[in-house]
Amino acid sequence: MKASRITATAAVAGATVLALSSPALAHVSVQPEGEAAKGGYAVLGFKVPNERDNASTTKLEINFPADHPLASVMPQPVEGWDIQVTKSKLAEPLEMHGKKINEAVTKVTWTAKGGGIGPGFFQKFPVSVGTLPEDADELVFKALQTYSNKEVVRWIEVPQKGQEEPDHPAPVLALSAATGDHHGASGDDKASGSDSASAEKASAQTSASSDEGDSGGTDTTARVLGVVGIVIGVAGVAYGVLAGRRRTTA
């Protein structure tokens, strides 16, 4: 009896843990490819797992943050899915590359052409975005997941620090600190400095080679003159010896 009670209790506890952990493991999430730095661009991947055993995910709606509108939002084509980009007018225009933008993307919707995401599978939906805000530490993207049985799961609850994760948390993107070259300025400075250093090094090497060449030419000339002098001296001695012999013979 004791053994059976212990087994039953363990089974119930295990089922409870699975029930509590399933939403946390299966919710829609967002992750950047690499870093998502403030003031820069990033490619975001919205990961959508199918958490139903008897239905497929056939539609995904991602709502972009209205408090931090993004001037550039470009979804990557996903095979088997239609993509609809929704834009809305902004209360305050954004500036991008010296141009004012009066509207921004507020929602991107993916609709399956066929079966969608089946049970036991997940799908990633990549989107290129920028520029990321410099006055925020994170961005919240509220998502709606629609199943083939018409069920709609609303992943819109914003997680709060110090509190337990909600049952249907919205995808949250954490932003990293701004990098020095996210606008390209520091990168250009580094490149310019590198080019300058390379030019100075090349100039120094050229000057050294020139000095070595001049020095080598001077040494060669001196050696040639020395050899010529020796030959002339030997010839003079030989001529003197021959002349002395002729006089003695005469």
Protein backbone atom coordinates (compact mmCIF):
# COMPACT_ATOMS: atom_id res chain seq x y z
CA MET A 1 0.00 0.00 0.00
CA LYS A 2 2.77 2.42 0.95
CA ALA A 3 4.66 1.66 -2.26
CA SER A 4 1.56 2.22 -4.39
CA ARG A 5 0.80 5.51 -2.64
CA ILE A 6 4.34 6.73 -3.16
CA THR A 7 4.15 5.79 -6.84
CA ALA A 8 0.81 7.54 -7.27
CA THR A 9 2.08 10.67 -5.52
CA ALA A 10 5.19 10.75 -7.70
CA ALA A 11 3.09 10.37 -10.84
CA VAL A 12 0.83 13.26 -9.85
CA ALA A 13 3.82 15.43 -8.97
CA GLY A 14 5.48 14.63 -12.28
CA ALA A 15 2.32 15.46 -14.22
CA THR A 16 2.03 18.74 -12.33
CA VAL A 17 5.62 19.71 -13.15
CA LEU A 18 5.05 18.95 -16.82
CA ALA A 19 1.84 20.93 -16.86
CA LEU A 20 3.52 23.92 -15.25
CA SER A 21 6.65 23.79 -17.38
CA SER A 22 5.01 23.19 -20.76
CA PRO A 23 3.94 26.80 -21.39
CA ALA A 24 7.41 28.07 -20.52
CA LEU A 25 9.04 25.62 -22.88
CA ALA A 26 6.60 26.01 -25.78
CA HIS A 27 5.92 29.74 -26.00
CA VAL A 28 6.73 31.94 -28.99
CA SER A 29 10.16 33.54 -28.50
CA VAL A 30 12.56 35.89 -30.28
CA GLN A 31 16.34 35.60 -30.57
CA PRO A 32 18.81 37.70 -32.58
CA GLU A 33 21.42 36.23 -34.90
CA GLY A 34 24.48 37.41 -33.01
CA GLU A 35 23.91 40.59 -31.00
CA ALA A 36 21.09 43.11 -31.02
CA ALA A 37 22.99 46.26 -30.09
CA LYS A 38 21.34 49.56 -29.32
CA GLY A 39 21.43 51.91 -32.30
CA GLY A 40 22.30 49.11 -34.74
CA TYR A 41 20.65 46.57 -37.00
CA ALA A 42 19.88 42.92 -36.29
CA VAL A 43 18.25 39.86 -37.79
CA LEU A 44 15.64 38.49 -35.41
CA GLY A 45 14.32 34.94 -35.46
CA PHE A 46 10.82 34.39 -34.10
CA LYS A 47 10.68 30.76 -32.98
CA VAL A 48 7.22 29.18 -33.02
CA PRO A 49 6.84 25.67 -31.60
CA ASN A 50 3.60 23.76 -32.14
CA GLU A 51 2.26 22.83 -28.69
CA ARG A 52 -0.84 20.94 -29.78
CA ASP A 53 -1.07 17.21 -30.51
CA ASN A 54 -4.20 17.42 -32.64
CA ALA A 55 -3.72 20.68 -34.61
CA SER A 56 -1.14 22.56 -36.69
CA THR A 57 -0.04 26.18 -36.44
CA THR A 58 -1.34 27.93 -39.55
CA LYS A 59 -0.87 31.61 -38.74
CA LEU A 60 1.49 33.87 -36.80
CA GLU A 61 1.04 37.58 -36.09
CA ILE A 62 3.89 39.60 -34.61
CA ASN A 63 3.05 43.08 -33.36
CA PHE A 64 5.97 45.50 -33.30
CA PRO A 65 6.41 47.88 -30.35
CA ALA A 66 4.55 51.15 -30.83
CA ASP A 67 6.58 52.95 -28.16
CA HIS A 68 9.80 52.27 -30.08
CA PRO A 69 8.87 52.09 -33.79
CA LEU A 70 11.47 50.63 -36.13
CA ALA A 71 12.15 52.47 -39.38
CA SER A 72 13.28 49.35 -41.23
CA VAL A 73 11.51 45.97 -40.99
CA MET A 74 12.15 43.38 -43.72
CA PRO A 75 10.93 39.79 -43.29
CA GLN A 76 12.81 36.99 -45.00
CA PRO A 77 10.71 34.77 -47.29
CA VAL A 78 9.74 31.48 -45.65
CA GLU A 79 8.88 28.57 -47.92
CA GLY A 80 5.24 27.54 -47.60
CA TRP A 81 4.11 30.80 -45.99
CA ASP A 82 2.53 34.02 -47.26
CA ILE A 83 3.77 37.23 -45.62
CA GLN A 84 1.78 40.41 -45.07
CA VAL A 85 3.45 43.58 -43.75
CA THR A 86 1.19 46.16 -42.09
CA LYS A 87 2.30 49.79 -41.76
CA SER A 88 0.78 52.61 -39.74
CA LYS A 89 1.32 56.35 -39.58
CA LEU A 90 3.53 57.60 -36.79
CA ALA A 91 2.61 60.31 -34.32
CA GLU A 92 6.16 61.61 -34.61
CA PRO A 93 8.24 61.04 -37.77
CA LEU A 94 11.43 59.01 -37.58
CA GLU A 95 14.70 60.02 -39.21
CA MET A 96 16.74 57.45 -41.11
CA HIS A 97 19.79 58.22 -43.27
CA GLY A 98 18.81 61.89 -43.35
CA LYS A 99 15.22 61.21 -44.45
CA LYS A 100 12.04 61.59 -42.42
CA ILE A 101 9.77 58.54 -42.21
CA ASN A 102 6.10 59.12 -41.44
CA GLU A 103 5.05 55.47 -41.17
CA ALA A 104 6.52 52.27 -39.78
CA VAL A 105 5.75 48.56 -39.71
CA THR A 106 3.41 47.72 -36.85
CA LYS A 107 2.64 44.09 -37.67
CA VAL A 108 3.92 41.19 -39.76
CA THR A 109 1.64 38.23 -40.46
CA TRP A 110 2.67 34.81 -41.75
CA THR A 111 -0.09 32.54 -43.11
CA ALA A 112 0.59 28.93 -44.06
CA LYS A 113 -0.13 27.96 -47.66
CA GLY A 114 -0.35 24.29 -46.73
CA GLY A 115 -0.26 22.31 -43.51
CA GLY A 116 1.74 24.82 -41.47
CA ILE A 117 3.69 23.70 -38.40
CA GLY A 118 2.67 20.17 -37.45
CA PRO A 119 2.64 18.62 -33.97
CA GLY A 120 6.14 18.01 -32.67
CA PHE A 121 7.75 20.65 -34.93
CA PHE A 122 8.72 24.31 -34.81
CA GLN A 123 9.39 27.03 -37.38
CA LYS A 124 11.61 30.12 -37.39
CA PHE A 125 10.52 33.36 -39.02
CA PRO A 126 13.50 35.70 -39.67
CA VAL A 127 13.11 39.48 -39.83
CA SER A 128 15.77 42.16 -40.39
CA VAL A 129 15.16 45.25 -38.25
CA GLY A 130 16.76 48.58 -37.48
CA THR A 131 17.73 50.87 -36.20
CA LEU A 132 17.24 49.54 -32.70
CA PRO A 133 16.45 52.19 -30.06
CA GLU A 134 19.25 53.56 -27.92
CA ASP A 135 16.98 54.52 -25.02
CA ALA A 136 15.61 51.04 -24.23
CA ASP A 137 17.01 47.85 -22.75
CA GLU A 138 14.46 45.54 -24.35
CA LEU A 139 11.68 45.36 -26.91
CA VAL A 140 8.40 43.49 -26.47
CA PHE A 141 6.77 41.82 -29.48
CA LYS A 142 3.22 40.62 -28.77
CA ALA A 143 2.33 37.51 -30.78
CA LEU A 144 -0.83 35.68 -31.81
CA GLN A 145 -0.61 32.00 -32.76
CA THR A 146 -3.51 30.48 -34.69
CA TYR A 147 -4.11 26.74 -35.03
CA SER A 148 -5.86 24.73 -37.71
CA ASN A 149 -8.78 24.11 -35.31
CA LYS A 150 -9.33 27.92 -35.13
CA GLU A 151 -7.84 28.19 -31.65
CA VAL A 152 -5.90 31.41 -31.07
CA VAL A 153 -3.21 31.63 -28.38
CA ARG A 154 -2.31 35.20 -27.42
CA TRP A 155 1.31 35.53 -26.32
CA ILE A 156 0.89 39.09 -25.05
CA GLU A 157 1.64 39.05 -21.32
CA VAL A 158 4.68 41.15 -20.50
CA PRO A 159 7.08 39.42 -18.06
CA GLN A 160 7.89 41.47 -14.99
CA LYS A 161 11.24 41.40 -13.20
CA GLY A 162 11.12 39.64 -9.87
CA GLN A 163 7.88 37.84 -10.72
CA GLU A 164 7.10 34.40 -12.09
CA GLU A 165 6.81 34.04 -15.82
CA PRO A 166 3.20 34.45 -16.98
CA ASP A 167 1.31 31.66 -18.69
CA HIS A 168 1.44 33.35 -22.07
CA PRO A 169 4.57 35.55 -22.10
CA ALA A 170 5.18 37.89 -25.01
CA PRO A 171 8.47 37.51 -26.91
CA VAL A 172 11.04 39.89 -25.39
CA LEU A 173 14.25 40.98 -27.13
CA ALA A 174 17.09 42.05 -24.83
CA LEU A 175 19.26 44.82 -26.30
CA SER A 176 23.01 44.84 -25.71
CA ALA A 177 25.13 47.95 -25.18
CA ALA A 178 25.81 50.09 -28.22
CA THR A 179 29.06 49.34 -30.02
CA GLY A 180 31.43 52.02 -31.24
CA ASP A 181 31.03 51.07 -34.90
CA HIS A 182 27.27 50.52 -35.09
CA HIS A 183 27.01 53.68 -37.21
CA GLY A 184 30.19 52.88 -39.12
CA ALA A 185 32.09 55.93 -37.79
CA SER A 186 34.58 54.15 -35.57
CA GLY A 187 35.09 51.50 -38.20
CA ASP A 188 36.04 54.18 -40.73
CA ASP A 189 38.39 55.81 -38.23
CA LYS A 190 40.05 52.48 -37.55
CA ALA A 191 40.37 51.77 -41.24
CA SER A 192 41.78 55.25 -41.84
CA GLY A 193 44.29 54.81 -39.03
CA SER A 194 45.24 51.40 -40.35
CA ASP A 195 45.71 52.77 -43.86
CA SER A 196 47.83 55.62 -42.52
CA ALA A 197 50.00 53.25 -40.52
CA SER A 198 50.39 50.99 -43.54
CA ALA A 199 51.35 53.94 -45.71
CA GLU A 200 53.96 55.09 -43.18
CA LYS A 201 55.36 51.58 -42.92
CA ALA A 202 55.53 51.24 -46.69
CA SER A 203 57.24 54.63 -46.96
CA ALA A 204 59.80 53.63 -44.34
CA GLN A 205 60.47 50.35 -46.11
CA THR A 206 60.90 52.18 -49.42
CA SER A 207 63.32 54.67 -47.89
CA ALA A 208 65.32 51.87 -46.28
CA SER A 209 65.48 50.00 -49.57
CA SER A 210 66.59 53.15 -51.35
CA ASP A 211 69.32 53.79 -48.77
CA GLU A 212 70.46 50.19 -49.05
CA GLY A 213 70.52 50.49 -52.83
CA ASP A 214 72.58 53.69 -52.77
CA SER A 215 74.99 52.20 -50.24
CA GLY A 216 75.36 49.07 -52.31
CA GLY A 217 76.09 51.13 -55.45
CA THR A 218 78.80 53.13 -53.69
CA ASP A 219 80.47 49.98 -52.35
CA THR A 220 80.42 48.35 -55.78
CA THR A 221 82.04 51.40 -57.42
CA ALA A 222 84.79 51.50 -54.80
CA ARG A 223 85.51 47.80 -55.27
CA VAL A 224 85.74 48.16 -59.04
CA LEU A 225 88.13 51.09 -58.79
CA GLY A 226 90.24 49.17 -56.28
CA VAL A 227 90.53 46.15 -58.59
CA VAL A 228 91.42 48.39 -61.54
CA GLY A 229 94.13 50.06 -59.47
CA ILE A 230 95.60 46.67 -58.50
CA VAL A 231 95.62 45.50 -62.11
CA ILE A 232 97.35 48.70 -63.25
CA GLY A 233 99.91 48.34 -60.48
CA VAL A 234 100.67 44.71 -61.38
CA ALA A 235 100.95 45.65 -65.05
CA GLY A 236 103.41 48.42 -64.18
CA VAL A 237 105.59 46.08 -62.12
CA ALA A 238 105.59 43.49 -64.90
CA TYR A 239 106.55 46.10 -67.46
CA GLY A 240 109.43 47.29 -65.26
CA VAL A 241 110.79 43.75 -64.85
CA LEU A 242 110.68 43.09 -68.58
CA ALA A 243 112.42 46.37 -69.34
CA GLY A 244 115.23 45.59 -66.89
CA ARG A 245 115.81 42.16 -68.50
CA ARG A 246 116.09 43.69 -71.98
CA ARG A 247 118.71 46.17 -70.83
CA THR A 248 120.77 43.41 -69.18
CA THR A 249 120.60 41.27 -72.30
CA ALA A 250 121.65 44.16 -74.50
